[in-house]
Amino acid sequence: MVEPVVAQKSPYPVDVEAGKTYFWCACGQSAKQPFCDGSHKGSGFEPLKYQAAAAATLYFCGCKKTASAPLCDGTHKGL
């Protein structure tokens, strides 16, 4: 499988709303990072659905290498 594009080497802080669904870009090609804009079509990647349990500031992965997708786990620090 092809590797995703590193959108940025840091997370994206996002104020999420309780109960709202978000679609995290897994391919790294979206112009609306960290969320999907459909740029993955034909790439073999699919966006990851995330439903916010509570209102909070979350840090969505920007390097696309996290083991805890869609949230940042610090993997970008080793890139």
C-alpha atoms as a PDB file:
ATOM      1  CA  MET A   1       0.000   0.000   0.000  1.00  0.00           C
ATOM      2  CA  VAL A   2       1.144   3.535  -0.735  1.00  0.00           C
ATOM      3  CA  GLU A   3       2.218   5.720   2.193  1.00  0.00           C
ATOM      4  CA  PRO A   4       0.048   8.724   3.069  1.00  0.00           C
ATOM      5  CA  VAL A   5       1.317  12.245   2.424  1.00  0.00           C
ATOM      6  CA  VAL A   6       2.573  14.035   5.547  1.00  0.00           C
ATOM      7  CA  ALA A   7       0.242  17.041   5.662  1.00  0.00           C
ATOM      8  CA  GLN A   8       2.250  18.658   8.478  1.00  0.00           C
ATOM      9  CA  LYS A   9       4.632  17.500  11.202  1.00  0.00           C
ATOM     10  CA  SER A  10       2.398  18.611  14.042  1.00  0.00           C
ATOM     11  CA  PRO A  11      -1.187  17.967  15.131  1.00  0.00           C
ATOM     12  CA  TYR A  12      -4.211  20.077  14.242  1.00  0.00           C
ATOM     13  CA  PRO A  13      -6.027  21.413  17.326  1.00  0.00           C
ATOM     14  CA  VAL A  14      -9.786  21.239  16.724  1.00  0.00           C
ATOM     15  CA  ASP A  15     -12.647  22.313  18.979  1.00  0.00           C
ATOM     16  CA  VAL A  16     -15.095  19.449  18.463  1.00  0.00           C
ATOM     17  CA  GLU A  17     -18.790  19.506  19.295  1.00  0.00           C
ATOM     18  CA  ALA A  18     -20.425  16.742  21.336  1.00  0.00           C
ATOM     19  CA  GLY A  19     -22.240  14.248  19.117  1.00  0.00           C
ATOM     20  CA  LYS A  20     -20.891  15.691  15.859  1.00  0.00           C
ATOM     21  CA  THR A  21     -19.276  13.381  13.290  1.00  0.00           C
ATOM     22  CA  TYR A  22     -15.950  14.256  11.678  1.00  0.00           C
ATOM     23  CA  PHE A  23     -14.132  12.548   8.802  1.00  0.00           C
ATOM     24  CA  TRP A  24     -10.358  12.633   9.291  1.00  0.00           C
ATOM     25  CA  CYS A  25      -8.207  12.671   6.156  1.00  0.00           C
ATOM     26  CA  ALA A  26      -6.055   9.527   6.122  1.00  0.00           C
ATOM     27  CA  CYS A  27      -4.326  10.164   2.775  1.00  0.00           C
ATOM     28  CA  GLY A  28      -2.832  13.579   3.592  1.00  0.00           C
ATOM     29  CA  GLN A  29      -3.980  15.121   0.311  1.00  0.00           C
ATOM     30  CA  SER A  30      -7.020  17.082   1.514  1.00  0.00           C
ATOM     31  CA  ALA A  31      -6.912  20.865   1.222  1.00  0.00           C
ATOM     32  CA  LYS A  32      -9.188  21.008   4.300  1.00  0.00           C
ATOM     33  CA  GLN A  33      -6.812  19.321   6.776  1.00  0.00           C
ATOM     34  CA  PRO A  34      -7.228  17.555   9.067  1.00  0.00           C
ATOM     35  CA  PHE A  35     -10.545  16.609   7.501  1.00  0.00           C
ATOM     36  CA  CYS A  36     -11.457  14.929   4.232  1.00  0.00           C
ATOM     37  CA  ASP A  37     -12.372  16.862   1.093  1.00  0.00           C
ATOM     38  CA  GLY A  38     -12.571  13.827  -1.217  1.00  0.00           C
ATOM     39  CA  SER A  39      -8.994  14.089  -2.531  1.00  0.00           C
ATOM     40  CA  HIS A  40      -8.378  10.438  -1.610  1.00  0.00           C
ATOM     41  CA  LYS A  41     -10.489   9.118  -4.489  1.00  0.00           C
ATOM     42  CA  GLY A  42      -8.498   6.509  -6.399  1.00  0.00           C
ATOM     43  CA  SER A  43      -5.674   6.489  -3.842  1.00  0.00           C
ATOM     44  CA  GLY A  44      -6.697   3.399  -1.875  1.00  0.00           C
ATOM     45  CA  PHE A  45      -7.239   5.502   1.259  1.00  0.00           C
ATOM     46  CA  GLU A  46     -10.550   6.195   2.971  1.00  0.00           C
ATOM     47  CA  PRO A  47     -11.337   8.875   5.567  1.00  0.00           C
ATOM     48  CA  LEU A  48     -11.763   7.756   9.157  1.00  0.00           C
ATOM     49  CA  LYS A  49     -15.085   8.548  10.811  1.00  0.00           C
ATOM     50  CA  TYR A  50     -14.811  10.058  14.297  1.00  0.00           C
ATOM     51  CA  GLN A  51     -17.787  10.877  16.526  1.00  0.00           C
ATOM     52  CA  ALA A  52     -17.064  13.316  19.333  1.00  0.00           C
ATOM     53  CA  ALA A  53     -18.344  12.060  22.671  1.00  0.00           C
ATOM     54  CA  ALA A  54     -17.995  15.453  24.326  1.00  0.00           C
ATOM     55  CA  ALA A  55     -17.142  19.042  23.462  1.00  0.00           C
ATOM     56  CA  ALA A  56     -13.370  19.434  23.788  1.00  0.00           C
ATOM     57  CA  THR A  57     -10.209  20.539  22.041  1.00  0.00           C
ATOM     58  CA  LEU A  58      -8.704  17.469  20.380  1.00  0.00           C
ATOM     59  CA  TYR A  59      -5.453  17.134  18.482  1.00  0.00           C
ATOM     60  CA  PHE A  60      -5.947  15.407  15.131  1.00  0.00           C
ATOM     61  CA  CYS A  61      -2.881  13.825  13.540  1.00  0.00           C
ATOM     62  CA  GLY A  62      -1.227  15.852  10.780  1.00  0.00           C
ATOM     63  CA  CYS A  63       1.597  13.457   9.854  1.00  0.00           C
ATOM     64  CA  LYS A  64      -0.849  10.584   9.104  1.00  0.00           C
ATOM     65  CA  LYS A  65       1.453   8.083  10.870  1.00  0.00           C
ATOM     66  CA  THR A  66      -0.279   7.920  14.281  1.00  0.00           C
ATOM     67  CA  ALA A  67      -1.090   4.534  15.805  1.00  0.00           C
ATOM     68  CA  SER A  68      -4.147   6.062  17.490  1.00  0.00           C
ATOM     69  CA  ALA A  69      -5.885   7.514  14.423  1.00  0.00           C
ATOM     70  CA  PRO A  70      -7.356   9.992  14.053  1.00  0.00           C
ATOM     71  CA  LEU A  71      -5.760  11.569  17.112  1.00  0.00           C
ATOM     72  CA  CYS A  72      -2.104  12.498  17.473  1.00  0.00           C
ATOM     73  CA  ASP A  73       0.123  10.137  19.472  1.00  0.00           C
ATOM     74  CA  GLY A  74       3.373  12.087  19.034  1.00  0.00           C
ATOM     75  CA  THR A  75       4.711  10.013  16.134  1.00  0.00           C
ATOM     76  CA  HIS A  76       5.490  13.232  14.220  1.00  0.00           C
ATOM     77  CA  LYS A  77       8.333  13.941  16.683  1.00  0.00           C
ATOM     78  CA  GLY A  78      10.340  11.094  15.116  1.00  0.00           C
ATOM     79  CA  LEU A  79       9.903  12.172  11.501  1.00  0.00           C
END
